Amino acid sequence: MTTREFDSWKIKFFKDEIMMNIFQSIIKSPKSATQISFECDIPISTVYRKLRDLREKKLLHISGFLNDHERRTKLYKKRIKN
């Protein structure tokens, strides 16, 4: 990705209210996509799409664990320092 392409993406990122809501929700602590969806009142499919975009730009750290039902759960956390 060129610098120009990244600058263009940054402008879109900061104008995207849903993306900003998701990013703000994971600033203090990692959360699952389901938690983000519930807290931000955003459809889960939209959350996954936006998380994919953030992951592609290397703005997320993803960790995983097995929950009580032995299902894999991913937690998403911001990668940028405050």
C-alpha atoms as a PDB file:
ATOM      1  CA  MET A   1       0.000   0.000   0.000  1.00  0.00           C
ATOM      2  CA  THR A   2       1.375   3.353  -0.962  1.00  0.00           C
ATOM      3  CA  THR A   3       1.424   6.360   1.336  1.00  0.00           C
ATOM      4  CA  ARG A   4      -1.263   8.009  -0.766  1.00  0.00           C
ATOM      5  CA  GLU A   5      -3.522   4.959  -0.510  1.00  0.00           C
ATOM      6  CA  PHE A   6      -3.006   4.788   3.254  1.00  0.00           C
ATOM      7  CA  ASP A   7      -3.770   8.508   3.654  1.00  0.00           C
ATOM      8  CA  SER A   8      -6.967   8.019   1.671  1.00  0.00           C
ATOM      9  CA  TRP A   9      -7.929   5.096   3.895  1.00  0.00           C
ATOM     10  CA  LYS A  10      -7.264   7.139   7.071  1.00  0.00           C
ATOM     11  CA  ILE A  11      -9.656   9.838   5.868  1.00  0.00           C
ATOM     12  CA  LYS A  12     -12.371   7.242   5.230  1.00  0.00           C
ATOM     13  CA  PHE A  13     -11.672   5.654   8.627  1.00  0.00           C
ATOM     14  CA  PHE A  14     -12.202   8.853  10.593  1.00  0.00           C
ATOM     15  CA  LYS A  15     -15.354   9.697   8.632  1.00  0.00           C
ATOM     16  CA  ASP A  16     -16.840   6.235   9.236  1.00  0.00           C
ATOM     17  CA  GLU A  17     -18.950   6.560  12.397  1.00  0.00           C
ATOM     18  CA  ILE A  18     -19.433   2.813  12.779  1.00  0.00           C
ATOM     19  CA  MET A  19     -15.708   2.146  12.455  1.00  0.00           C
ATOM     20  CA  MET A  20     -14.966   4.818  15.069  1.00  0.00           C
ATOM     21  CA  ASN A  21     -17.578   3.375  17.462  1.00  0.00           C
ATOM     22  CA  ILE A  22     -16.035  -0.079  17.146  1.00  0.00           C
ATOM     23  CA  PHE A  23     -12.513   1.237  17.613  1.00  0.00           C
ATOM     24  CA  GLN A  24     -13.512   3.290  20.655  1.00  0.00           C
ATOM     25  CA  SER A  25     -15.204   0.281  22.241  1.00  0.00           C
ATOM     26  CA  ILE A  26     -11.942  -1.714  22.214  1.00  0.00           C
ATOM     27  CA  ILE A  27      -9.633   1.051  23.418  1.00  0.00           C
ATOM     28  CA  LYS A  28      -9.651   0.103  27.106  1.00  0.00           C
ATOM     29  CA  SER A  29     -10.073  -3.653  26.930  1.00  0.00           C
ATOM     30  CA  PRO A  30     -10.287  -6.457  24.376  1.00  0.00           C
ATOM     31  CA  LYS A  31     -13.771  -7.579  23.377  1.00  0.00           C
ATOM     32  CA  SER A  32     -15.380 -10.242  21.257  1.00  0.00           C
ATOM     33  CA  ALA A  33     -17.300  -9.333  18.107  1.00  0.00           C
ATOM     34  CA  THR A  34     -20.519 -10.250  19.934  1.00  0.00           C
ATOM     35  CA  GLN A  35     -19.711  -7.864  22.797  1.00  0.00           C
ATOM     36  CA  ILE A  36     -18.885  -5.074  20.349  1.00  0.00           C
ATOM     37  CA  SER A  37     -22.109  -5.682  18.444  1.00  0.00           C
ATOM     38  CA  PHE A  38     -24.185  -5.574  21.623  1.00  0.00           C
ATOM     39  CA  GLU A  39     -22.464  -2.537  23.185  1.00  0.00           C
ATOM     40  CA  CYS A  40     -22.423  -0.467  19.988  1.00  0.00           C
ATOM     41  CA  ASP A  41     -25.816  -1.662  18.703  1.00  0.00           C
ATOM     42  CA  ILE A  42     -24.295  -2.636  15.361  1.00  0.00           C
ATOM     43  CA  PRO A  43     -25.304  -5.753  13.385  1.00  0.00           C
ATOM     44  CA  ILE A  44     -22.804  -8.577  13.899  1.00  0.00           C
ATOM     45  CA  SER A  45     -22.123  -8.900  10.163  1.00  0.00           C
ATOM     46  CA  THR A  46     -21.141  -5.224  10.040  1.00  0.00           C
ATOM     47  CA  VAL A  47     -18.891  -5.651  13.074  1.00  0.00           C
ATOM     48  CA  TYR A  48     -17.064  -8.558  11.420  1.00  0.00           C
ATOM     49  CA  ARG A  49     -16.641  -6.588   8.180  1.00  0.00           C
ATOM     50  CA  LYS A  50     -15.242  -3.544   9.994  1.00  0.00           C
ATOM     51  CA  LEU A  51     -12.967  -5.712  12.158  1.00  0.00           C
ATOM     52  CA  ARG A  52     -11.629  -7.326   8.996  1.00  0.00           C
ATOM     53  CA  ASP A  53     -10.833  -3.868   7.605  1.00  0.00           C
ATOM     54  CA  LEU A  54      -9.054  -2.883  10.825  1.00  0.00           C
ATOM     55  CA  ARG A  55      -7.128  -6.162  10.855  1.00  0.00           C
ATOM     56  CA  GLU A  56      -6.026  -5.690   7.246  1.00  0.00           C
ATOM     57  CA  LYS A  57      -4.613  -2.273   8.193  1.00  0.00           C
ATOM     58  CA  LYS A  58      -2.834  -3.863  11.169  1.00  0.00           C
ATOM     59  CA  LEU A  59      -4.723  -1.732  13.692  1.00  0.00           C
ATOM     60  CA  LEU A  60      -5.955  -4.718  15.735  1.00  0.00           C
ATOM     61  CA  HIS A  61      -4.393  -7.325  17.927  1.00  0.00           C
ATOM     62  CA  ILE A  62      -6.388 -10.555  17.997  1.00  0.00           C
ATOM     63  CA  SER A  63      -6.179 -13.118  20.775  1.00  0.00           C
ATOM     64  CA  GLY A  64      -8.249 -16.223  21.265  1.00  0.00           C
ATOM     65  CA  PHE A  65      -9.405 -18.624  23.931  1.00  0.00           C
ATOM     66  CA  LEU A  66     -11.874 -21.430  24.505  1.00  0.00           C
ATOM     67  CA  ASN A  67     -15.031 -20.265  26.261  1.00  0.00           C
ATOM     68  CA  ASP A  68     -17.103 -22.238  28.787  1.00  0.00           C
ATOM     69  CA  HIS A  69     -18.769 -24.182  25.961  1.00  0.00           C
ATOM     70  CA  GLU A  70     -15.355 -25.077  24.478  1.00  0.00           C
ATOM     71  CA  ARG A  71     -15.923 -22.824  21.491  1.00  0.00           C
ATOM     72  CA  ARG A  72     -13.151 -20.634  20.166  1.00  0.00           C
ATOM     73  CA  THR A  73     -13.636 -16.967  20.841  1.00  0.00           C
ATOM     74  CA  LYS A  74     -11.533 -14.158  19.420  1.00  0.00           C
ATOM     75  CA  LEU A  75     -10.910 -10.968  21.334  1.00  0.00           C
ATOM     76  CA  TYR A  76     -10.084  -7.795  19.450  1.00  0.00           C
ATOM     77  CA  LYS A  77      -7.921  -5.031  20.891  1.00  0.00           C
ATOM     78  CA  LYS A  78      -6.511  -1.870  19.396  1.00  0.00           C
ATOM     79  CA  ARG A  79      -2.890  -1.995  18.365  1.00  0.00           C
ATOM     80  CA  ILE A  80      -2.208   1.752  18.408  1.00  0.00           C
ATOM     81  CA  LYS A  81      -0.740   3.279  21.563  1.00  0.00           C
ATOM     82  CA  ASN A  82      -2.590   6.162  23.233  1.00  0.00           C
END
